Structure formats: structure tokens, C-alpha cells
């Protein structure tokens, strides 16, 4: 199975940090955000990874190479202009083959168990086009995105937020023309109404590192966790 890391965004809310450094290369706990993503995917058994790039793409090429330090095989999907989430995935489909795949935002830090998402991806088909990992609404997104009834994502409430982690069947992107700008939230609306999207509520560690403040908060959290005494006998 393959995975895609979304790394093409400009990171406007992170400026001035992202004026000269792409957001995925900003460090937390002495390691670039995208390194954490790659490590977690490889540890789950996913070695074939597609990374989409646009803003300061050369810096990502130089930092990641072909993925050898992680035992990964990294391919790049180059976007002359950033195509948003769904547009970027649609552009990269030739690199992702015809099977379901995982996608994670490069600016997400989580301890979510990706082996579990692999299992969900393997169960996707024409009548179940995606599986979304949802989290409690964070302080910066109190309005939320979706509701969840059993494993069915819906719009009956907005008690949960999309984490930026999901599994997708290529058929979901069949209506997106290559090179078209399209947001994933827009693309998902109709399939959700048709009950074609499943999901789960994850309550473990998750952070959307979208601003310098959130980056600093995550750094503080990870530092405190590292200093916490172990209770293992």
C-alpha cells in the first residue's frame, strides 16, 4: 500500500517562518514535521510514499531525497501552483496506482496507529470511498466539520474535526480534472450525503501545527512528555 503526504501548501499562517522554509520542514522536538510523518508511516509498514511539493520544493527534495534514511521510497508530485488538497491528490494519482491509499497532512503531528488505517483502506470500495480519522474540535476550530453515527460520517452535527489523516479509494477523485484546484472538504460533501464515507473518532495525541503558537505549544507538550517519569516497573 502507498501513502501520500500533503506538503505543497504555502503556510501563510506560519509566516514569517515559512518565507524561507517550507512548513513541513519546520522542526518540533528537533525534527522536521514531515520526518515524523515518514517515520510513522514506515513503522506501520508503508514504504512507498508520494510527497506533493510546490512552495520551496527544492528544500524538500534536498531534505528528503529518495527516502533512503527511513527505508522509504519517496516519489514527488510537483505542482507548479498548489492545487489544494483534493486537487493535489488527483494530480498525484498516476503515482498512487489504482489501489486505496493513505493521506496525511505534513503539518499534522499524531500518535494515531497507522496500521489500523491500513486495515480500513483495504476495505474501501465503490460504495465506501474513504475513511476519515476525526478528532475532538480543537480550540482553533470550535465550529467542527462533521458528525459521526457509528462509523458513518454525516452532517447531522459538527462535533468532530477532520484530522488531516484518512484513507481513500481512487474513485473518489474521478470527478476532479488533473490540474484543477479542489478542496477535499468540497469533494467530500456529496459522498457523505450518499453515505459513502466512513470514519472513526480518535482521542489520542493530535495537533494541527498551523501557526507559530501551535508549533510552540506542541514543542512544550512533547518536552514535558519526555521529562515525565516512567511508571513502568
C-alpha atoms as a PDB file:
ATOM      1  CA  UNK A   1       0.000   0.000   0.000  1.00  0.00           C
ATOM      2  CA  UNK A   2       1.109   3.555  -0.710  1.00  0.00           C
ATOM      3  CA  UNK A   3       0.690   6.771   1.228  1.00  0.00           C
ATOM      4  CA  UNK A   4       0.752  10.424   0.287  1.00  0.00           C
ATOM      5  CA  UNK A   5       1.987  13.311   2.412  1.00  0.00           C
ATOM      6  CA  UNK A   6       0.472  16.689   1.549  1.00  0.00           C
ATOM      7  CA  UNK A   7       3.370  19.147   1.648  1.00  0.00           C
ATOM      8  CA  UNK A   8       2.659  21.676  -1.106  1.00  0.00           C
ATOM      9  CA  UNK A   9       0.952  24.423   0.900  1.00  0.00           C
ATOM     10  CA  UNK A  10       2.387  27.909   1.289  1.00  0.00           C
ATOM     11  CA  UNK A  11       1.834  28.028   5.059  1.00  0.00           C
ATOM     12  CA  UNK A  12       0.589  31.612   5.124  1.00  0.00           C
ATOM     13  CA  UNK A  13      -0.398  31.449   8.796  1.00  0.00           C
ATOM     14  CA  UNK A  14       3.143  30.356   9.652  1.00  0.00           C
ATOM     15  CA  UNK A  15       4.807  33.406   8.156  1.00  0.00           C
ATOM     16  CA  UNK A  16       7.479  34.649   8.557  1.00  0.00           C
ATOM     17  CA  UNK A  17       8.757  31.159   9.451  1.00  0.00           C
ATOM     18  CA  UNK A  18       7.687  29.817   6.056  1.00  0.00           C
ATOM     19  CA  UNK A  19       9.132  32.639   3.966  1.00  0.00           C
ATOM     20  CA  UNK A  20      12.358  30.678   3.573  1.00  0.00           C
ATOM     21  CA  UNK A  21      11.467  27.253   4.991  1.00  0.00           C
ATOM     22  CA  UNK A  22       8.569  25.082   3.773  1.00  0.00           C
ATOM     23  CA  UNK A  23       6.180  24.348   6.627  1.00  0.00           C
ATOM     24  CA  UNK A  24       6.826  20.567   6.552  1.00  0.00           C
ATOM     25  CA  UNK A  25      10.480  21.262   7.404  1.00  0.00           C
ATOM     26  CA  UNK A  26       9.723  23.343  10.493  1.00  0.00           C
ATOM     27  CA  UNK A  27      11.072  21.456  13.489  1.00  0.00           C
ATOM     28  CA  UNK A  28       9.347  20.150  16.587  1.00  0.00           C
ATOM     29  CA  UNK A  29      11.379  18.307  19.190  1.00  0.00           C
ATOM     30  CA  UNK A  30      14.478  18.856  16.996  1.00  0.00           C
ATOM     31  CA  UNK A  31      12.968  17.093  13.980  1.00  0.00           C
ATOM     32  CA  UNK A  32      11.114  18.438  10.908  1.00  0.00           C
ATOM     33  CA  UNK A  33       7.376  17.762  10.961  1.00  0.00           C
ATOM     34  CA  UNK A  34       7.475  15.711   7.772  1.00  0.00           C
ATOM     35  CA  UNK A  35      10.194  13.458   9.211  1.00  0.00           C
ATOM     36  CA  UNK A  36       7.748  12.410  11.926  1.00  0.00           C
ATOM     37  CA  UNK A  37       5.150  11.593   9.251  1.00  0.00           C
ATOM     38  CA  UNK A  38       7.579   9.460   7.263  1.00  0.00           C
ATOM     39  CA  UNK A  39       8.790   7.585  10.338  1.00  0.00           C
ATOM     40  CA  UNK A  40       5.271   6.735  11.459  1.00  0.00           C
ATOM     41  CA  UNK A  41       4.246   5.515   8.014  1.00  0.00           C
ATOM     42  CA  UNK A  42       7.352   3.351   7.629  1.00  0.00           C
ATOM     43  CA  UNK A  43       6.920   1.897  11.122  1.00  0.00           C
ATOM     44  CA  UNK A  44       3.399   0.869  10.067  1.00  0.00           C
ATOM     45  CA  UNK A  45       4.821  -0.968   7.067  1.00  0.00           C
ATOM     46  CA  UNK A  46       4.282   1.649   4.361  1.00  0.00           C
ATOM     47  CA  UNK A  47       7.481   2.313   2.425  1.00  0.00           C
ATOM     48  CA  UNK A  48       6.158   3.743  -0.855  1.00  0.00           C
ATOM     49  CA  UNK A  49       5.375   7.402  -0.200  1.00  0.00           C
ATOM     50  CA  UNK A  50       4.342  10.203  -2.533  1.00  0.00           C
ATOM     51  CA  UNK A  51       5.030  13.774  -1.418  1.00  0.00           C
ATOM     52  CA  UNK A  52       3.411  16.666  -3.259  1.00  0.00           C
ATOM     53  CA  UNK A  53       5.506  19.815  -3.445  1.00  0.00           C
ATOM     54  CA  UNK A  54       5.154  23.377  -4.676  1.00  0.00           C
ATOM     55  CA  UNK A  55       6.369  26.160  -2.348  1.00  0.00           C
ATOM     56  CA  UNK A  56      10.148  25.916  -1.856  1.00  0.00           C
ATOM     57  CA  UNK A  57      10.084  22.450  -3.417  1.00  0.00           C
ATOM     58  CA  UNK A  58      13.873  22.266  -3.781  1.00  0.00           C
ATOM     59  CA  UNK A  59      14.285  22.401   0.004  1.00  0.00           C
ATOM     60  CA  UNK A  60      12.070  19.334   0.360  1.00  0.00           C
ATOM     61  CA  UNK A  61      13.941  17.467  -2.379  1.00  0.00           C
ATOM     62  CA  UNK A  62      17.213  18.120  -0.584  1.00  0.00           C
ATOM     63  CA  UNK A  63      15.906  17.218   2.867  1.00  0.00           C
ATOM     64  CA  UNK A  64      14.107  14.003   1.909  1.00  0.00           C
ATOM     65  CA  UNK A  65      15.920  12.722  -1.156  1.00  0.00           C
ATOM     66  CA  UNK A  66      14.546   9.351  -2.204  1.00  0.00           C
ATOM     67  CA  UNK A  67      13.772   8.380   1.377  1.00  0.00           C
ATOM     68  CA  UNK A  68      16.711   6.045   1.964  1.00  0.00           C
ATOM     69  CA  UNK A  69      17.442   7.174   5.579  1.00  0.00           C
ATOM     70  CA  UNK A  70      13.992   5.878   6.554  1.00  0.00           C
ATOM     71  CA  UNK A  71      13.972   2.819   4.360  1.00  0.00           C
ATOM     72  CA  UNK A  72      11.321   4.511   2.233  1.00  0.00           C
ATOM     73  CA  UNK A  73      10.857   5.043  -1.470  1.00  0.00           C
ATOM     74  CA  UNK A  74       9.781   8.654  -1.955  1.00  0.00           C
ATOM     75  CA  UNK A  75       8.339   9.988  -5.194  1.00  0.00           C
ATOM     76  CA  UNK A  76       7.403  13.611  -5.771  1.00  0.00           C
ATOM     77  CA  UNK A  77       4.275  15.096  -7.284  1.00  0.00           C
ATOM     78  CA  UNK A  78       5.320  18.567  -8.414  1.00  0.00           C
ATOM     79  CA  UNK A  79       2.612  21.226  -8.573  1.00  0.00           C
ATOM     80  CA  UNK A  80       3.552  24.424 -10.398  1.00  0.00           C
ATOM     81  CA  UNK A  81       0.719  26.070  -8.478  1.00  0.00           C
ATOM     82  CA  UNK A  82      -0.594  24.468  -5.300  1.00  0.00           C
ATOM     83  CA  UNK A  83      -3.803  22.629  -6.212  1.00  0.00           C
ATOM     84  CA  UNK A  84      -5.398  22.395  -2.736  1.00  0.00           C
ATOM     85  CA  UNK A  85      -5.971  19.040  -1.031  1.00  0.00           C
ATOM     86  CA  UNK A  86      -8.245  17.136  -3.436  1.00  0.00           C
ATOM     87  CA  UNK A  87      -6.642  18.731  -6.484  1.00  0.00           C
ATOM     88  CA  UNK A  88      -3.196  17.731  -5.269  1.00  0.00           C
ATOM     89  CA  UNK A  89      -4.269  14.150  -4.637  1.00  0.00           C
ATOM     90  CA  UNK A  90      -5.944  13.923  -8.049  1.00  0.00           C
ATOM     91  CA  UNK A  91      -2.768  15.241  -9.713  1.00  0.00           C
ATOM     92  CA  UNK A  92      -0.716  12.556  -7.944  1.00  0.00           C
ATOM     93  CA  UNK A  93      -2.993   9.602  -8.771  1.00  0.00           C
ATOM     94  CA  UNK A  94      -0.670   8.228 -11.502  1.00  0.00           C
ATOM     95  CA  UNK A  95       1.951   7.748  -8.778  1.00  0.00           C
ATOM     96  CA  UNK A  96      -0.528   6.141  -6.377  1.00  0.00           C
ATOM     97  CA  UNK A  97      -1.644   3.325  -8.692  1.00  0.00           C
ATOM     98  CA  UNK A  98      -5.223   2.006  -8.681  1.00  0.00           C
ATOM     99  CA  UNK A  99      -5.491   0.770  -5.097  1.00  0.00           C
ATOM    100  CA  UNK A 100      -6.714   2.602  -1.975  1.00  0.00           C
ATOM    101  CA  UNK A 101      -4.059   4.689  -0.258  1.00  0.00           C
ATOM    102  CA  UNK A 102      -3.424   6.727   2.885  1.00  0.00           C
ATOM    103  CA  UNK A 103      -3.020  10.508   3.045  1.00  0.00           C
ATOM    104  CA  UNK A 104      -1.679  12.638   5.882  1.00  0.00           C
ATOM    105  CA  UNK A 105      -1.142  16.378   6.071  1.00  0.00           C
ATOM    106  CA  UNK A 106       2.548  17.182   6.574  1.00  0.00           C
ATOM    107  CA  UNK A 107       1.705  19.659   9.335  1.00  0.00           C
ATOM    108  CA  UNK A 108      -0.130  17.098  11.481  1.00  0.00           C
ATOM    109  CA  UNK A 109       1.562  15.503  14.488  1.00  0.00           C
ATOM    110  CA  UNK A 110      -0.198  12.467  15.922  1.00  0.00           C
ATOM    111  CA  UNK A 111       0.389   9.117  17.570  1.00  0.00           C
ATOM    112  CA  UNK A 112      -2.502   7.599  15.638  1.00  0.00           C
ATOM    113  CA  UNK A 113      -1.819   3.881  14.832  1.00  0.00           C
ATOM    114  CA  UNK A 114      -1.461   3.833  11.047  1.00  0.00           C
ATOM    115  CA  UNK A 115      -1.639   0.028  10.914  1.00  0.00           C
ATOM    116  CA  UNK A 116      -5.282   0.460  11.853  1.00  0.00           C
ATOM    117  CA  UNK A 117      -5.833   2.856   8.943  1.00  0.00           C
ATOM    118  CA  UNK A 118      -4.214   0.380   6.556  1.00  0.00           C
ATOM    119  CA  UNK A 119      -6.887  -2.127   7.517  1.00  0.00           C
ATOM    120  CA  UNK A 120      -9.597   0.443   6.857  1.00  0.00           C
ATOM    121  CA  UNK A 121      -8.059   1.288   3.477  1.00  0.00           C
ATOM    122  CA  UNK A 122      -8.084  -2.354   2.464  1.00  0.00           C
ATOM    123  CA  UNK A 123     -11.854  -2.379   2.993  1.00  0.00           C
ATOM    124  CA  UNK A 124     -12.608   0.558   0.698  1.00  0.00           C
ATOM    125  CA  UNK A 125     -14.600   0.015  -2.492  1.00  0.00           C
ATOM    126  CA  UNK A 126     -17.068   1.767  -4.804  1.00  0.00           C
ATOM    127  CA  UNK A 127     -19.659   2.025  -2.014  1.00  0.00           C
ATOM    128  CA  UNK A 128     -17.199   3.147   0.643  1.00  0.00           C
ATOM    129  CA  UNK A 129     -14.887   5.683  -0.896  1.00  0.00           C
ATOM    130  CA  UNK A 130     -12.991   6.992   2.114  1.00  0.00           C
ATOM    131  CA  UNK A 131     -12.327   6.544   5.807  1.00  0.00           C
ATOM    132  CA  UNK A 132     -11.646   9.692   7.823  1.00  0.00           C
ATOM    133  CA  UNK A 133      -9.933   9.996  11.184  1.00  0.00           C
ATOM    134  CA  UNK A 134     -11.862  12.566  13.220  1.00  0.00           C
ATOM    135  CA  UNK A 135     -10.856  14.288  16.456  1.00  0.00           C
ATOM    136  CA  UNK A 136     -12.477  16.480  19.095  1.00  0.00           C
ATOM    137  CA  UNK A 137     -12.927  20.058  17.911  1.00  0.00           C
ATOM    138  CA  UNK A 138      -9.735  21.943  18.838  1.00  0.00           C
ATOM    139  CA  UNK A 139      -9.760  25.468  20.252  1.00  0.00           C
ATOM    140  CA  UNK A 140      -8.939  26.981  16.862  1.00  0.00           C
ATOM    141  CA  UNK A 141     -11.803  25.129  15.117  1.00  0.00           C
ATOM    142  CA  UNK A 142     -14.703  25.051  17.560  1.00  0.00           C
ATOM    143  CA  UNK A 143     -17.238  25.002  14.718  1.00  0.00           C
ATOM    144  CA  UNK A 144     -16.114  21.489  13.753  1.00  0.00           C
ATOM    145  CA  UNK A 145     -16.632  19.668  10.466  1.00  0.00           C
ATOM    146  CA  UNK A 146     -18.710  16.507  10.803  1.00  0.00           C
ATOM    147  CA  UNK A 147     -20.833  14.264  12.920  1.00  0.00           C
ATOM    148  CA  UNK A 148     -20.324  10.524  13.340  1.00  0.00           C
ATOM    149  CA  UNK A 149     -23.025   7.884  13.779  1.00  0.00           C
ATOM    150  CA  UNK A 150     -21.431   4.519  14.459  1.00  0.00           C
ATOM    151  CA  UNK A 151     -18.872   4.546  11.619  1.00  0.00           C
ATOM    152  CA  UNK A 152     -20.850   6.783   9.259  1.00  0.00           C
ATOM    153  CA  UNK A 153     -19.636  10.356   8.710  1.00  0.00           C
ATOM    154  CA  UNK A 154     -22.538  12.789   8.395  1.00  0.00           C
ATOM    155  CA  UNK A 155     -23.589  16.430   8.695  1.00  0.00           C
ATOM    156  CA  UNK A 156     -26.148  15.881  11.464  1.00  0.00           C
ATOM    157  CA  UNK A 157     -23.806  17.734  13.826  1.00  0.00           C
ATOM    158  CA  UNK A 158     -20.369  19.351  13.829  1.00  0.00           C
ATOM    159  CA  UNK A 159     -18.997  17.796  16.972  1.00  0.00           C
ATOM    160  CA  UNK A 160     -15.818  16.480  15.346  1.00  0.00           C
ATOM    161  CA  UNK A 161     -12.987  17.854  13.202  1.00  0.00           C
ATOM    162  CA  UNK A 162     -11.221  16.135  10.328  1.00  0.00           C
ATOM    163  CA  UNK A 163      -7.688  15.354  11.488  1.00  0.00           C
ATOM    164  CA  UNK A 164      -5.964  15.551   8.117  1.00  0.00           C
ATOM    165  CA  UNK A 165      -5.463  11.778   8.233  1.00  0.00           C
ATOM    166  CA  UNK A 166      -7.516   9.494   6.016  1.00  0.00           C
ATOM    167  CA  UNK A 167      -7.698   6.592   3.586  1.00  0.00           C
ATOM    168  CA  UNK A 168      -9.144   6.989   0.086  1.00  0.00           C
ATOM    169  CA  UNK A 169     -10.270   4.971  -2.882  1.00  0.00           C
ATOM    170  CA  UNK A 170      -9.069   6.485  -6.204  1.00  0.00           C
ATOM    171  CA  UNK A 171     -12.684   6.573  -7.451  1.00  0.00           C
ATOM    172  CA  UNK A 172     -13.380   9.421  -5.030  1.00  0.00           C
ATOM    173  CA  UNK A 173     -11.270  11.708  -7.214  1.00  0.00           C
ATOM    174  CA  UNK A 174     -12.697  10.673 -10.583  1.00  0.00           C
ATOM    175  CA  UNK A 175     -14.601  13.959 -10.955  1.00  0.00           C
ATOM    176  CA  UNK A 176     -11.505  16.130 -10.374  1.00  0.00           C
ATOM    177  CA  UNK A 177      -9.719  17.077 -13.582  1.00  0.00           C
ATOM    178  CA  UNK A 178      -5.924  16.923 -13.475  1.00  0.00           C
ATOM    179  CA  UNK A 179      -4.647  20.388 -12.710  1.00  0.00           C
ATOM    180  CA  UNK A 180      -7.945  21.534 -11.190  1.00  0.00           C
ATOM    181  CA  UNK A 181      -7.864  23.265  -7.819  1.00  0.00           C
ATOM    182  CA  UNK A 182     -10.230  21.483  -5.468  1.00  0.00           C
ATOM    183  CA  UNK A 183     -10.571  21.278  -1.696  1.00  0.00           C
ATOM    184  CA  UNK A 184     -11.157  17.894  -0.100  1.00  0.00           C
ATOM    185  CA  UNK A 185     -13.933  19.324   2.068  1.00  0.00           C
ATOM    186  CA  UNK A 186     -15.831  20.326  -1.071  1.00  0.00           C
ATOM    187  CA  UNK A 187     -15.280  16.988  -2.787  1.00  0.00           C
ATOM    188  CA  UNK A 188     -16.486  15.013   0.229  1.00  0.00           C
ATOM    189  CA  UNK A 189     -19.880  16.733   0.570  1.00  0.00           C
ATOM    190  CA  UNK A 190     -21.858  14.657  -1.915  1.00  0.00           C
ATOM    191  CA  UNK A 191     -20.329  11.267  -0.997  1.00  0.00           C
ATOM    192  CA  UNK A 192     -21.083  11.976   2.664  1.00  0.00           C
ATOM    193  CA  UNK A 193     -24.707  12.743   1.821  1.00  0.00           C
ATOM    194  CA  UNK A 194     -24.772   9.437  -0.085  1.00  0.00           C
ATOM    195  CA  UNK A 195     -23.374   7.618   2.980  1.00  0.00           C
ATOM    196  CA  UNK A 196     -20.215   6.585   1.133  1.00  0.00           C
ATOM    197  CA  UNK A 197     -17.734   7.853   3.741  1.00  0.00           C
ATOM    198  CA  UNK A 198     -16.830   6.057   6.971  1.00  0.00           C
ATOM    199  CA  UNK A 199     -14.900   7.429   9.900  1.00  0.00           C
ATOM    200  CA  UNK A 200     -13.670   6.987  13.436  1.00  0.00           C
ATOM    201  CA  UNK A 201     -13.236   9.209  16.487  1.00  0.00           C
ATOM    202  CA  UNK A 202      -9.610   9.276  17.602  1.00  0.00           C
ATOM    203  CA  UNK A 203      -8.935  10.660  21.069  1.00  0.00           C
ATOM    204  CA  UNK A 204      -5.181  10.266  21.313  1.00  0.00           C
ATOM    205  CA  UNK A 205      -2.394  12.780  20.673  1.00  0.00           C
ATOM    206  CA  UNK A 206      -3.089  15.012  17.690  1.00  0.00           C
ATOM    207  CA  UNK A 207      -2.019  18.516  16.732  1.00  0.00           C
ATOM    208  CA  UNK A 208      -2.635  20.592  13.625  1.00  0.00           C
ATOM    209  CA  UNK A 209       0.538  22.667  13.573  1.00  0.00           C
ATOM    210  CA  UNK A 210      -0.895  25.583  11.604  1.00  0.00           C
ATOM    211  CA  UNK A 211       0.533  28.621  13.405  1.00  0.00           C
ATOM    212  CA  UNK A 212       3.762  29.543  15.244  1.00  0.00           C
ATOM    213  CA  UNK A 213       1.807  29.460  18.515  1.00  0.00           C
ATOM    214  CA  UNK A 214       0.601  25.900  17.933  1.00  0.00           C
ATOM    215  CA  UNK A 215       4.113  24.850  16.929  1.00  0.00           C
ATOM    216  CA  UNK A 216       5.436  26.248  20.227  1.00  0.00           C
ATOM    217  CA  UNK A 217       2.613  24.577  22.188  1.00  0.00           C
ATOM    218  CA  UNK A 218       3.401  21.199  20.624  1.00  0.00           C
ATOM    219  CA  UNK A 219       7.092  21.644  21.383  1.00  0.00           C
ATOM    220  CA  UNK A 220       6.240  22.342  25.028  1.00  0.00           C
ATOM    221  CA  UNK A 221       3.917  19.338  25.203  1.00  0.00           C
ATOM    222  CA  UNK A 222       6.449  16.909  23.747  1.00  0.00           C
ATOM    223  CA  UNK A 223       9.188  18.246  26.009  1.00  0.00           C
ATOM    224  CA  UNK A 224       7.012  17.748  29.087  1.00  0.00           C
ATOM    225  CA  UNK A 225       6.098  14.233  27.961  1.00  0.00           C
ATOM    226  CA  UNK A 226       9.782  13.384  27.517  1.00  0.00           C
ATOM    227  CA  UNK A 227      10.556  14.604  31.040  1.00  0.00           C
ATOM    228  CA  UNK A 228       7.629  12.792  32.664  1.00  0.00           C
ATOM    229  CA  UNK A 229       8.775   9.927  34.928  1.00  0.00           C
ATOM    230  CA  UNK A 230       8.131   6.425  33.657  1.00  0.00           C
ATOM    231  CA  UNK A 231       5.844   4.207  35.726  1.00  0.00           C
ATOM    232  CA  UNK A 232       6.988   1.031  34.023  1.00  0.00           C
ATOM    233  CA  UNK A 233       8.247  -1.417  36.693  1.00  0.00           C
END
